[in-house]
Amino acid sequence: MARRSDHSPEELRDLIVSTARRLALKEGLRGITSRGIAKSMGYSAGTLYNHFKDLDDIIMHLNSDTLDGLYQALADCDRQGPPETVVIGLARRYIDFIVVNAALWSIVIEHRPPDQTLRPAFLEEKVARLLGLVEQGLAPLFSPAQRMEQQRAARVLWTGVYGVCALGIGGKLDPSDTMTGLAEDFITHYIAGLKAEALTN
C-alpha cells in the first residue's frame, strides 16, 4: 500500500474524489464504496475518514464537482435577449451537459444522505450559484422590489427542468417526448404566465 506521506492532505482529498468519480463512471452510485475507493487508491479504508466524515460526504463532494462542471457549462451561455431566449438557452446547455455526463448526474439525482434535511453549505452555495444564472435571465420581468418573486420564479423553472431531466435520464419519458422539447414548452408557458400576471398587477 502507498504511504500517507506519498500525498499531501489536499492531494489525498482530490484523489479520493477522483477515484470515486472513476468508480461512478463504471458502476454508478452502487459502485462507490469505501472499500472500493481505498483499494483503487492503494490506501487503507481508514485513510478516507481522515479526510471526509463518511462515504456520504465523499459522494457529496463528488456531486459538488459535478455542479461546478454544470456551472462552467451554463456560464458560457449567451445571456443577452428576452427572458425566454436566455432561459431556454440555459436549459439546452443544461441538457447537453447531463446527457454527456449522465452517469455523474444520475448520482446527483439518486444520492440521498441519511439526514436529508441538512444539505451542507458547500452544496447550497453551488445550487444558489446555478439559480443565480436563471435569476439573471429573468431580471427584465421583475422590479428591484420583487426580488423574492424573481428568486421563486427561478426555483420553479429550475425544479421543472430538473424534473424533466430526471425522467429523461431515467428513461421514463414517453417515446414521443424529448427532454429539450418538454423543457422548452415548460419554460415558454411559465414565462408567458409571469408576463400575463405582470399585466394584471
N, C-alpha and C. Protein backbone atom coordinates (compact mmCIF):
# COMPACT_ATOMS: atom_id res chain seq x y z
N MET A 1 0.83 -1.20 0.00
CA MET A 1 0.00 0.00 0.00
C MET A 1 0.87 1.25 0.00
N ALA A 2 0.33 2.33 -0.58
CA ALA A 2 1.08 3.59 -0.59
C ALA A 2 1.14 4.16 0.82
N ARG A 3 2.18 4.90 1.11
CA ARG A 3 2.31 5.55 2.40
C ARG A 3 1.56 6.88 2.38
N ARG A 4 1.08 7.31 3.55
CA ARG A 4 0.36 8.57 3.64
C ARG A 4 1.24 9.73 3.20
N SER A 5 2.55 9.58 3.41
CA SER A 5 3.46 10.66 3.05
C SER A 5 3.60 10.83 1.54
N ASP A 6 3.06 9.86 0.77
CA ASP A 6 3.16 9.96 -0.68
C ASP A 6 2.32 11.11 -1.23
N HIS A 7 1.30 11.53 -0.50
CA HIS A 7 0.41 12.59 -0.95
C HIS A 7 0.18 13.58 0.17
N SER A 8 0.02 14.84 -0.19
CA SER A 8 -0.38 15.85 0.80
C SER A 8 -1.85 15.65 1.14
N PRO A 9 -2.33 16.23 2.24
CA PRO A 9 -3.76 16.10 2.57
C PRO A 9 -4.67 16.58 1.44
N GLU A 10 -4.31 17.69 0.80
CA GLU A 10 -5.13 18.19 -0.30
C GLU A 10 -5.11 17.23 -1.48
N GLU A 11 -3.94 16.69 -1.77
CA GLU A 11 -3.85 15.74 -2.88
C GLU A 11 -4.66 14.48 -2.58
N LEU A 12 -4.64 14.05 -1.32
CA LEU A 12 -5.41 12.86 -0.95
C LEU A 12 -6.91 13.10 -1.10
N ARG A 13 -7.37 14.26 -0.68
CA ARG A 13 -8.79 14.58 -0.84
C ARG A 13 -9.18 14.54 -2.32
N ASP A 14 -8.36 15.16 -3.15
CA ASP A 14 -8.64 15.16 -4.59
C ASP A 14 -8.60 13.74 -5.15
N LEU A 15 -7.65 12.95 -4.68
CA LEU A 15 -7.52 11.57 -5.16
C LEU A 15 -8.73 10.74 -4.76
N ILE A 16 -9.20 10.92 -3.54
CA ILE A 16 -10.37 10.18 -3.07
C ILE A 16 -11.59 10.50 -3.95
N VAL A 17 -11.81 11.79 -4.21
CA VAL A 17 -12.98 12.19 -5.00
C VAL A 17 -12.82 11.73 -6.45
N SER A 18 -11.63 11.87 -7.00
CA SER A 18 -11.43 11.45 -8.40
C SER A 18 -11.57 9.93 -8.54
N THR A 19 -11.16 9.18 -7.51
CA THR A 19 -11.33 7.73 -7.53
C THR A 19 -12.81 7.38 -7.45
N ALA A 20 -13.54 8.08 -6.59
CA ALA A 20 -15.00 7.88 -6.52
C ALA A 20 -15.65 8.17 -7.86
N ARG A 21 -15.17 9.21 -8.54
CA ARG A 21 -15.71 9.55 -9.85
C ARG A 21 -15.46 8.42 -10.86
N ARG A 22 -14.26 7.89 -10.84
CA ARG A 22 -13.93 6.81 -11.77
C ARG A 22 -14.80 5.58 -11.51
N LEU A 23 -15.03 5.25 -10.25
CA LEU A 23 -15.89 4.11 -9.92
C LEU A 23 -17.33 4.39 -10.34
N ALA A 24 -17.76 5.64 -10.15
CA ALA A 24 -19.13 6.01 -10.53
C ALA A 24 -19.35 5.86 -12.03
N LEU A 25 -18.37 6.24 -12.82
CA LEU A 25 -18.49 6.14 -14.26
C LEU A 25 -18.58 4.68 -14.72
N LYS A 26 -18.00 3.77 -13.92
CA LYS A 26 -18.03 2.36 -14.27
C LYS A 26 -19.30 1.67 -13.80
N GLU A 27 -19.71 1.98 -12.55
CA GLU A 27 -20.77 1.19 -11.92
C GLU A 27 -21.91 2.01 -11.33
N GLY A 28 -21.87 3.33 -11.48
CA GLY A 28 -22.92 4.14 -10.90
C GLY A 28 -22.77 4.29 -9.40
N LEU A 29 -23.84 4.74 -8.76
CA LEU A 29 -23.80 5.01 -7.31
C LEU A 29 -23.44 3.77 -6.52
N ARG A 30 -23.96 2.62 -6.90
CA ARG A 30 -23.69 1.41 -6.13
C ARG A 30 -22.22 1.00 -6.19
N GLY A 31 -21.49 1.52 -7.18
CA GLY A 31 -20.07 1.19 -7.30
C GLY A 31 -19.17 2.01 -6.39
N ILE A 32 -19.74 3.03 -5.74
CA ILE A 32 -18.94 3.88 -4.85
C ILE A 32 -19.02 3.31 -3.44
N THR A 33 -17.98 2.62 -3.03
CA THR A 33 -17.90 2.07 -1.68
C THR A 33 -16.57 2.49 -1.06
N SER A 34 -16.54 2.54 0.24
CA SER A 34 -15.29 2.89 0.93
C SER A 34 -14.19 1.91 0.58
N ARG A 35 -14.52 0.63 0.61
CA ARG A 35 -13.52 -0.39 0.31
C ARG A 35 -13.02 -0.27 -1.13
N GLY A 36 -13.96 -0.01 -2.05
CA GLY A 36 -13.57 0.10 -3.45
C GLY A 36 -12.67 1.30 -3.71
N ILE A 37 -12.99 2.42 -3.08
CA ILE A 37 -12.17 3.63 -3.24
C ILE A 37 -10.77 3.38 -2.70
N ALA A 38 -10.72 2.86 -1.47
CA ALA A 38 -9.42 2.64 -0.82
C ALA A 38 -8.58 1.65 -1.61
N LYS A 39 -9.18 0.57 -2.08
CA LYS A 39 -8.44 -0.44 -2.84
C LYS A 39 -7.88 0.13 -4.12
N SER A 40 -8.70 0.94 -4.81
CA SER A 40 -8.26 1.55 -6.07
C SER A 40 -7.11 2.53 -5.84
N MET A 41 -7.12 3.18 -4.69
CA MET A 41 -6.08 4.15 -4.36
C MET A 41 -4.80 3.49 -3.84
N GLY A 42 -4.96 2.29 -3.27
CA GLY A 42 -3.82 1.66 -2.62
C GLY A 42 -3.61 2.14 -1.20
N TYR A 43 -4.68 2.61 -0.58
CA TYR A 43 -4.64 3.06 0.81
C TYR A 43 -5.61 2.22 1.63
N SER A 44 -5.52 2.31 2.93
CA SER A 44 -6.49 1.64 3.79
C SER A 44 -7.79 2.43 3.81
N ALA A 45 -8.90 1.73 4.10
CA ALA A 45 -10.20 2.40 4.14
C ALA A 45 -10.22 3.49 5.22
N GLY A 46 -9.48 3.28 6.30
CA GLY A 46 -9.47 4.27 7.37
C GLY A 46 -8.91 5.61 6.93
N THR A 47 -8.03 5.57 5.92
CA THR A 47 -7.44 6.82 5.43
C THR A 47 -8.51 7.77 4.90
N LEU A 48 -9.55 7.21 4.30
CA LEU A 48 -10.61 8.05 3.73
C LEU A 48 -11.22 8.94 4.81
N TYR A 49 -11.37 8.39 6.01
CA TYR A 49 -12.10 9.10 7.06
C TYR A 49 -11.21 10.04 7.86
N ASN A 50 -9.95 10.10 7.46
CA ASN A 50 -9.10 11.18 7.97
C ASN A 50 -9.34 12.47 7.19
N HIS A 51 -10.04 12.34 6.06
CA HIS A 51 -10.23 13.48 5.17
C HIS A 51 -11.71 13.79 4.89
N PHE A 52 -12.57 12.81 5.11
CA PHE A 52 -14.01 13.01 4.91
C PHE A 52 -14.76 12.39 6.09
N LYS A 53 -15.91 12.94 6.38
CA LYS A 53 -16.70 12.46 7.52
C LYS A 53 -17.13 11.02 7.33
N ASP A 54 -17.64 10.71 6.13
CA ASP A 54 -18.11 9.36 5.84
C ASP A 54 -18.26 9.22 4.33
N LEU A 55 -18.80 8.10 3.87
CA LEU A 55 -18.95 7.88 2.44
C LEU A 55 -19.91 8.90 1.81
N ASP A 56 -20.96 9.24 2.54
CA ASP A 56 -21.89 10.25 2.02
C ASP A 56 -21.19 11.58 1.77
N ASP A 57 -20.27 11.92 2.65
CA ASP A 57 -19.50 13.17 2.48
C ASP A 57 -18.67 13.12 1.20
N ILE A 58 -18.06 11.98 0.92
CA ILE A 58 -17.29 11.82 -0.32
C ILE A 58 -18.20 12.00 -1.53
N ILE A 59 -19.36 11.37 -1.48
CA ILE A 59 -20.29 11.45 -2.61
C ILE A 59 -20.79 12.88 -2.80
N MET A 60 -21.04 13.58 -1.70
CA MET A 60 -21.50 14.96 -1.81
C MET A 60 -20.42 15.86 -2.41
N HIS A 61 -19.16 15.58 -2.11
CA HIS A 61 -18.08 16.35 -2.73
C HIS A 61 -17.95 15.99 -4.22
N LEU A 62 -18.19 14.75 -4.56
CA LEU A 62 -18.23 14.37 -5.97
C LEU A 62 -19.35 15.13 -6.68
N ASN A 63 -20.53 15.18 -6.06
CA ASN A 63 -21.64 15.93 -6.64
C ASN A 63 -21.34 17.41 -6.75
N SER A 64 -20.60 17.93 -5.77
CA SER A 64 -20.20 19.33 -5.81
C SER A 64 -19.35 19.61 -7.05
N ASP A 65 -18.43 18.71 -7.35
CA ASP A 65 -17.60 18.87 -8.55
C ASP A 65 -18.46 18.81 -9.81
N THR A 66 -19.47 17.94 -9.82
CA THR A 66 -20.36 17.84 -10.98
C THR A 66 -21.13 19.14 -11.16
N LEU A 67 -21.59 19.74 -10.06
CA LEU A 67 -22.29 21.02 -10.14
C LEU A 67 -21.36 22.13 -10.62
N ASP A 68 -20.09 22.05 -10.24
CA ASP A 68 -19.11 23.02 -10.76
C ASP A 68 -19.00 22.90 -12.28
N GLY A 69 -18.97 21.67 -12.76
CA GLY A 69 -18.90 21.45 -14.21
C GLY A 69 -20.12 21.99 -14.91
N LEU A 70 -21.29 21.79 -14.31
CA LEU A 70 -22.52 22.32 -14.89
C LEU A 70 -22.49 23.85 -14.92
N TYR A 71 -22.03 24.44 -13.83
CA TYR A 71 -21.96 25.91 -13.79
C TYR A 71 -21.05 26.44 -14.90
N GLN A 72 -19.92 25.81 -15.09
CA GLN A 72 -19.00 26.25 -16.13
C GLN A 72 -19.64 26.17 -17.51
N ALA A 73 -20.44 25.11 -17.72
CA ALA A 73 -21.14 24.96 -19.00
C ALA A 73 -22.19 26.06 -19.19
N LEU A 74 -22.94 26.37 -18.13
CA LEU A 74 -24.01 27.36 -18.24
C LEU A 74 -23.48 28.79 -18.27
N ALA A 75 -22.37 29.03 -17.58
CA ALA A 75 -21.83 30.39 -17.50
C ALA A 75 -21.40 30.91 -18.87
N ASP A 76 -21.12 29.99 -19.79
CA ASP A 76 -20.69 30.39 -21.13
C ASP A 76 -21.86 30.73 -22.05
N CYS A 77 -23.09 30.50 -21.56
CA CYS A 77 -24.27 30.77 -22.41
C CYS A 77 -24.42 32.27 -22.67
N ASP A 78 -24.98 32.60 -23.82
CA ASP A 78 -25.30 33.98 -24.15
C ASP A 78 -26.50 34.40 -23.31
N ARG A 79 -26.33 35.41 -22.49
CA ARG A 79 -27.43 35.85 -21.63
C ARG A 79 -27.99 37.19 -22.08
N GLN A 80 -27.84 37.48 -23.35
CA GLN A 80 -28.44 38.67 -23.94
C GLN A 80 -29.73 38.27 -24.66
N GLY A 81 -30.75 39.09 -24.53
CA GLY A 81 -32.00 38.81 -25.22
C GLY A 81 -33.16 38.70 -24.26
N PRO A 82 -34.35 38.40 -24.77
CA PRO A 82 -35.54 38.28 -23.91
C PRO A 82 -35.41 37.09 -22.98
N PRO A 83 -36.13 37.14 -21.85
CA PRO A 83 -36.02 36.07 -20.85
C PRO A 83 -36.23 34.66 -21.41
N GLU A 84 -37.23 34.50 -22.29
CA GLU A 84 -37.48 33.17 -22.85
C GLU A 84 -36.24 32.64 -23.56
N THR A 85 -35.62 33.48 -24.35
CA THR A 85 -34.44 33.07 -25.11
C THR A 85 -33.29 32.70 -24.19
N VAL A 86 -33.08 33.52 -23.17
CA VAL A 86 -31.97 33.28 -22.25
C VAL A 86 -32.18 31.99 -21.46
N VAL A 87 -33.37 31.82 -20.89
CA VAL A 87 -33.62 30.66 -20.05
C VAL A 87 -33.66 29.38 -20.88
N ILE A 88 -34.23 29.44 -22.07
CA ILE A 88 -34.21 28.26 -22.93
C ILE A 88 -32.77 27.91 -23.33
N GLY A 89 -31.96 28.92 -23.57
CA GLY A 89 -30.54 28.67 -23.86
C GLY A 89 -29.85 27.97 -22.71
N LEU A 90 -30.14 28.41 -21.47
CA LEU A 90 -29.58 27.75 -20.30
C LEU A 90 -30.06 26.31 -20.20
N ALA A 91 -31.35 26.09 -20.46
CA ALA A 91 -31.92 24.74 -20.37
C ALA A 91 -31.29 23.81 -21.41
N ARG A 92 -31.08 24.31 -22.62
CA ARG A 92 -30.45 23.47 -23.64
C ARG A 92 -29.04 23.08 -23.25
N ARG A 93 -28.29 24.03 -22.70
CA ARG A 93 -26.92 23.73 -22.27
C ARG A 93 -26.94 22.76 -21.08
N TYR A 94 -27.88 22.96 -20.19
CA TYR A 94 -28.07 22.05 -19.04
C TYR A 94 -28.28 20.63 -19.55
N ILE A 95 -29.18 20.47 -20.50
CA ILE A 95 -29.50 19.15 -21.03
C ILE A 95 -28.29 18.56 -21.76
N ASP A 96 -27.60 19.36 -22.53
CA ASP A 96 -26.39 18.87 -23.21
C ASP A 96 -25.39 18.33 -22.18
N PHE A 97 -25.24 19.06 -21.08
CA PHE A 97 -24.27 18.66 -20.05
C PHE A 97 -24.66 17.34 -19.42
N ILE A 98 -25.93 17.19 -19.04
CA ILE A 98 -26.29 15.96 -18.32
C ILE A 98 -26.35 14.75 -19.25
N VAL A 99 -26.59 14.97 -20.53
CA VAL A 99 -26.55 13.85 -21.47
C VAL A 99 -25.11 13.33 -21.59
N VAL A 100 -24.16 14.23 -21.69
CA VAL A 100 -22.75 13.84 -21.78
C VAL A 100 -22.27 13.24 -20.45
N ASN A 101 -22.81 13.75 -19.35
CA ASN A 101 -22.36 13.33 -18.02
C ASN A 101 -23.47 12.58 -17.28
N ALA A 102 -24.17 11.72 -18.00
CA ALA A 102 -25.35 11.06 -17.45
C ALA A 102 -25.04 10.24 -16.19
N ALA A 103 -23.92 9.54 -16.19
CA ALA A 103 -23.60 8.70 -15.02
C ALA A 103 -23.39 9.54 -13.78
N LEU A 104 -22.68 10.65 -13.92
CA LEU A 104 -22.44 11.52 -12.77
C LEU A 104 -23.71 12.25 -12.35
N TRP A 105 -24.51 12.67 -13.34
CA TRP A 105 -25.75 13.38 -13.00
C TRP A 105 -26.74 12.46 -12.31
N SER A 106 -26.73 11.18 -12.68
CA SER A 106 -27.61 10.22 -12.01
C SER A 106 -27.30 10.14 -10.53
N ILE A 107 -26.03 10.31 -10.17
CA ILE A 107 -25.65 10.27 -8.76
C ILE A 107 -26.15 11.51 -8.04
N VAL A 108 -26.11 12.66 -8.71
CA VAL A 108 -26.70 13.87 -8.13
C VAL A 108 -28.17 13.64 -7.80
N ILE A 109 -28.86 12.95 -8.70
CA ILE A 109 -30.29 12.70 -8.52
C ILE A 109 -30.55 11.61 -7.46
N GLU A 110 -29.76 10.55 -7.51
CA GLU A 110 -30.05 9.36 -6.71
C GLU A 110 -29.55 9.44 -5.28
N HIS A 111 -28.47 10.14 -5.04
CA HIS A 111 -27.87 10.09 -3.70
C HIS A 111 -28.76 10.74 -2.66
N ARG A 112 -29.03 10.01 -1.61
CA ARG A 112 -29.84 10.51 -0.51
C ARG A 112 -29.09 10.28 0.80
N PRO A 113 -28.45 11.31 1.34
CA PRO A 113 -27.76 11.13 2.63
C PRO A 113 -28.78 10.81 3.72
N PRO A 114 -28.32 10.17 4.80
CA PRO A 114 -29.26 9.79 5.87
C PRO A 114 -30.09 10.96 6.39
N ASP A 115 -29.46 12.11 6.58
CA ASP A 115 -30.19 13.28 7.08
C ASP A 115 -30.43 14.22 5.91
N GLN A 116 -31.56 14.03 5.21
CA GLN A 116 -31.85 14.80 4.01
C GLN A 116 -32.26 16.23 4.31
N THR A 117 -32.51 16.52 5.58
CA THR A 117 -32.94 17.88 5.91
C THR A 117 -31.76 18.85 5.94
N LEU A 118 -30.54 18.33 5.98
CA LEU A 118 -29.37 19.18 6.11
C LEU A 118 -28.46 19.01 4.90
N ARG A 119 -28.63 19.88 3.90
CA ARG A 119 -27.70 19.86 2.78
C ARG A 119 -26.52 20.74 3.17
N PRO A 120 -25.30 20.23 3.04
CA PRO A 120 -24.15 21.01 3.50
C PRO A 120 -24.04 22.35 2.78
N ALA A 121 -23.42 23.30 3.48
CA ALA A 121 -23.33 24.66 2.96
C ALA A 121 -22.64 24.71 1.61
N PHE A 122 -21.62 23.87 1.41
CA PHE A 122 -20.90 23.95 0.14
C PHE A 122 -21.78 23.53 -1.04
N LEU A 123 -22.73 22.62 -0.81
CA LEU A 123 -23.67 22.26 -1.88
C LEU A 123 -24.73 23.34 -2.06
N GLU A 124 -25.19 23.90 -0.96
CA GLU A 124 -26.16 25.01 -1.05
C GLU A 124 -25.60 26.14 -1.89
N GLU A 125 -24.33 26.45 -1.68
CA GLU A 125 -23.69 27.53 -2.44
C GLU A 125 -23.62 27.22 -3.93
N LYS A 126 -23.35 25.96 -4.27
CA LYS A 126 -23.26 25.58 -5.69
C LYS A 126 -24.63 25.70 -6.36
N VAL A 127 -25.66 25.25 -5.66
CA VAL A 127 -27.01 25.34 -6.21
C VAL A 127 -27.44 26.80 -6.34
N ALA A 128 -27.14 27.61 -5.32
CA ALA A 128 -27.50 29.02 -5.36
C ALA A 128 -26.81 29.73 -6.52
N ARG A 129 -25.58 29.35 -6.80
CA ARG A 129 -24.85 29.97 -7.90
C ARG A 129 -25.50 29.63 -9.24
N LEU A 130 -25.97 28.39 -9.37
CA LEU A 130 -26.66 27.99 -10.60
C LEU A 130 -28.00 28.72 -10.73
N LEU A 131 -28.74 28.79 -9.63
CA LEU A 131 -30.01 29.50 -9.65
C LEU A 131 -29.81 30.97 -10.00
N GLY A 132 -28.67 31.52 -9.58
CA GLY A 132 -28.39 32.92 -9.89
C GLY A 132 -28.35 33.19 -11.39
N LEU A 133 -27.90 32.23 -12.18
CA LEU A 133 -27.89 32.40 -13.63
C LEU A 133 -29.30 32.51 -14.18
N VAL A 134 -30.20 31.70 -13.63
CA VAL A 134 -31.60 31.76 -14.07
C VAL A 134 -32.23 33.07 -13.61
N GLU A 135 -31.93 33.47 -12.40
CA GLU A 135 -32.46 34.74 -11.89
C GLU A 135 -32.03 35.91 -12.78
N GLN A 136 -30.79 35.90 -13.20
CA GLN A 136 -30.31 36.96 -14.09
C GLN A 136 -31.09 36.98 -15.40
N GLY A 137 -31.38 35.79 -15.92
CA GLY A 137 -32.15 35.72 -17.16
C GLY A 137 -33.56 36.26 -17.02
N LEU A 138 -34.11 36.14 -15.81
CA LEU A 138 -35.49 36.59 -15.57
C LEU A 138 -35.57 38.06 -15.15
N ALA A 139 -34.43 38.69 -14.95
CA ALA A 139 -34.40 40.04 -14.39
C ALA A 139 -35.31 41.05 -15.09
N PRO A 140 -35.42 41.02 -16.43
CA PRO A 140 -36.28 42.02 -17.09
C PRO A 140 -37.76 41.91 -16.72
N LEU A 141 -38.15 40.79 -16.12
CA LEU A 141 -39.57 40.59 -15.79
C LEU A 141 -39.93 41.11 -14.40
N PHE A 142 -38.94 41.53 -13.62
CA PHE A 142 -39.19 41.90 -12.23
C PHE A 142 -38.55 43.23 -11.90
N SER A 143 -39.22 43.96 -11.01
CA SER A 143 -38.64 45.20 -10.49
C SER A 143 -37.70 44.87 -9.34
N PRO A 144 -36.84 45.80 -8.94
CA PRO A 144 -35.95 45.55 -7.79
C PRO A 144 -36.70 45.17 -6.52
N ALA A 145 -37.93 45.67 -6.39
CA ALA A 145 -38.72 45.36 -5.19
C ALA A 145 -39.29 43.95 -5.22
N GLN A 146 -39.17 43.27 -6.35
CA GLN A 146 -39.74 41.92 -6.50
C GLN A 146 -38.65 40.84 -6.44
N ARG A 147 -37.65 41.08 -5.65
CA ARG A 147 -36.52 40.15 -5.57
C ARG A 147 -36.96 38.75 -5.15
N MET A 148 -37.84 38.64 -4.17
CA MET A 148 -38.28 37.33 -3.70
C MET A 148 -39.07 36.61 -4.78
N GLU A 149 -39.90 37.34 -5.52
CA GLU A 149 -40.67 36.74 -6.61
C GLU A 149 -39.75 36.25 -7.72
N GLN A 150 -38.71 37.02 -7.99
CA GLN A 150 -37.74 36.64 -9.01
C GLN A 150 -37.01 35.35 -8.61
N GLN A 151 -36.62 35.27 -7.35
CA GLN A 151 -35.94 34.07 -6.86
C GLN A 151 -36.86 32.85 -6.91
N ARG A 152 -38.12 33.06 -6.55
CA ARG A 152 -39.07 31.94 -6.58
C ARG A 152 -39.29 31.47 -8.01
N ALA A 153 -39.43 32.39 -8.94
CA ALA A 153 -39.62 32.01 -10.34
C ALA A 153 -38.44 31.19 -10.85
N ALA A 154 -37.24 31.59 -10.46
CA ALA A 154 -36.04 30.85 -10.86
C ALA A 154 -36.08 29.43 -10.29
N ARG A 155 -36.51 29.30 -9.04
CA ARG A 155 -36.58 27.97 -8.42
C ARG A 155 -37.62 27.10 -9.11
N VAL A 156 -38.75 27.70 -9.47
CA VAL A 156 -39.79 26.93 -10.16
C VAL A 156 -39.25 26.41 -11.50
N LEU A 157 -38.60 27.28 -12.25
CA LEU A 157 -38.07 26.87 -13.55
C LEU A 157 -36.99 25.81 -13.39
N TRP A 158 -36.10 26.03 -12.43
CA TRP A 158 -35.02 25.06 -12.19
C TRP A 158 -35.60 23.69 -11.82
N THR A 159 -36.58 23.70 -10.90
CA THR A 159 -37.18 22.46 -10.45
C THR A 159 -37.89 21.74 -11.59
N GLY A 160 -38.59 22.51 -12.42
CA GLY A 160 -39.29 21.90 -13.55
C GLY A 160 -38.35 21.24 -14.54
N VAL A 161 -37.30 21.94 -14.91
CA VAL A 161 -36.34 21.38 -15.86
C VAL A 161 -35.59 20.21 -15.24
N TYR A 162 -35.25 20.34 -13.96
CA TYR A 162 -34.59 19.24 -13.23
C TYR A 162 -35.47 17.99 -13.28
N GLY A 163 -36.76 18.15 -13.03
CA GLY A 163 -37.67 17.01 -13.05
C GLY A 163 -37.77 16.37 -14.43
N VAL A 164 -37.88 17.20 -15.46
CA VAL A 164 -37.92 16.67 -16.83
C VAL A 164 -36.66 15.86 -17.13
N CYS A 165 -35.52 16.39 -16.71
CA CYS A 165 -34.24 15.73 -17.00
C CYS A 165 -34.07 14.45 -16.18
N ALA A 166 -34.57 14.46 -14.95
CA ALA A 166 -34.51 13.25 -14.13
C ALA A 166 -35.31 12.13 -14.79
N LEU A 167 -36.47 12.47 -15.32
CA LEU A 167 -37.27 11.46 -16.03
C LEU A 167 -36.58 11.01 -17.31
N GLY A 168 -35.98 11.97 -18.00
CA GLY A 168 -35.31 11.63 -19.24
C GLY A 168 -34.11 10.73 -19.03
N ILE A 169 -33.26 11.09 -18.07
CA ILE A 169 -32.08 10.27 -17.77
C ILE A 169 -32.50 8.88 -17.30
N GLY A 170 -33.63 8.82 -16.59
CA GLY A 170 -34.12 7.53 -16.08
C GLY A 170 -34.89 6.73 -17.11
N GLY A 171 -35.01 7.25 -18.35
CA GLY A 171 -35.72 6.53 -19.40
C GLY A 171 -37.22 6.44 -19.17
N LYS A 172 -37.77 7.45 -18.47
CA LYS A 172 -39.19 7.39 -18.10
C LYS A 172 -40.07 8.36 -18.88
N LEU A 173 -39.52 8.99 -19.91
CA LEU A 173 -40.34 9.86 -20.74
C LEU A 173 -41.04 9.05 -21.83
N ASP A 174 -42.18 9.56 -22.27
CA ASP A 174 -42.86 8.95 -23.42
C ASP A 174 -41.93 9.03 -24.63
N PRO A 175 -41.89 7.97 -25.43
CA PRO A 175 -41.01 7.97 -26.61
C PRO A 175 -41.22 9.16 -27.54
N SER A 176 -42.41 9.74 -27.52
CA SER A 176 -42.69 10.87 -28.41
C SER A 176 -42.17 12.19 -27.86
N ASP A 177 -41.71 12.17 -26.60
CA ASP A 177 -41.23 13.39 -25.97
C ASP A 177 -39.71 13.41 -25.91
N THR A 178 -39.16 14.61 -25.83
CA THR A 178 -37.73 14.78 -25.60
C THR A 178 -37.53 15.70 -24.41
N MET A 179 -36.40 15.58 -23.75
CA MET A 179 -36.12 16.48 -22.64
C MET A 179 -36.13 17.93 -23.10
N THR A 180 -35.49 18.19 -24.24
CA THR A 180 -35.41 19.57 -24.73
C THR A 180 -36.79 20.11 -25.06
N GLY A 181 -37.60 19.32 -25.74
CA GLY A 181 -38.94 19.77 -26.13
C GLY A 181 -39.81 20.08 -24.92
N LEU A 182 -39.82 19.17 -23.94
CA LEU A 182 -40.64 19.39 -22.75
C LEU A 182 -40.13 20.58 -21.94
N ALA A 183 -38.81 20.70 -21.81
CA ALA A 183 -38.25 21.82 -21.06
C ALA A 183 -38.60 23.15 -21.72
N GLU A 184 -38.49 23.21 -23.03
CA GLU A 184 -38.79 24.46 -23.73
C GLU A 184 -40.27 24.81 -23.61
N ASP A 185 -41.15 23.82 -23.70
CA ASP A 185 -42.58 24.08 -23.54
C ASP A 185 -42.87 24.62 -22.13
N PHE A 186 -42.27 23.98 -21.14
CA PHE A 186 -42.50 24.41 -19.75
C PHE A 186 -42.02 25.84 -19.55
N ILE A 187 -40.82 26.14 -20.00
CA ILE A 187 -40.26 27.48 -19.83
C ILE A 187 -41.11 28.52 -20.55
N THR A 188 -41.49 28.24 -21.80
CA THR A 188 -42.27 29.18 -22.59
C THR A 188 -43.59 29.50 -21.91
N HIS A 189 -44.29 28.47 -21.45
CA HIS A 189 -45.60 28.69 -20.85
C HIS A 189 -45.48 29.35 -19.48
N TYR A 190 -44.47 28.97 -18.71
CA TYR A 190 -44.32 29.58 -17.38
C TYR A 190 -43.99 31.07 -17.50
N ILE A 191 -43.08 31.41 -18.39
CA ILE A 191 -42.73 32.83 -18.55
C ILE A 191 -43.90 33.61 -19.13
N ALA A 192 -44.68 32.99 -20.02
CA ALA A 192 -45.88 33.66 -20.53
C ALA A 192 -46.83 33.97 -19.38
N GLY A 193 -46.93 33.06 -18.42
CA GLY A 193 -47.78 33.29 -17.26
C GLY A 193 -47.25 34.42 -16.39
N LEU A 194 -45.93 34.51 -16.25
CA LEU A 194 -45.36 35.62 -15.49
C LEU A 194 -45.68 36.95 -16.15
N LYS A 195 -45.59 37.00 -17.46
CA LYS A 195 -45.89 38.24 -18.19
C LYS A 195 -47.36 38.62 -18.05
N ALA A 196 -48.23 37.62 -18.15
CA ALA A 196 -49.66 37.89 -18.02
C ALA A 196 -49.99 38.39 -16.63
N GLU A 197 -49.36 37.79 -15.62
CA GLU A 197 -49.59 38.22 -14.24
C GLU A 197 -49.12 39.65 -14.03
N ALA A 198 -47.99 40.00 -14.65
CA ALA A 198 -47.45 41.36 -14.51
C ALA A 198 -48.41 42.39 -15.10
N LEU A 199 -49.11 42.02 -16.17
CA LEU A 199 -50.04 42.96 -16.82
C LEU A 199 -51.27 43.23 -15.97
N THR A 200 -51.62 42.28 -15.11
CA THR A 200 -52.82 42.45 -14.28
C THR A 200 -52.52 43.15 -12.96
N ASN A 201 -51.25 43.33 -12.65
CA ASN A 201 -50.88 43.97 -11.37
C ASN A 201 -50.67 45.47 -11.54
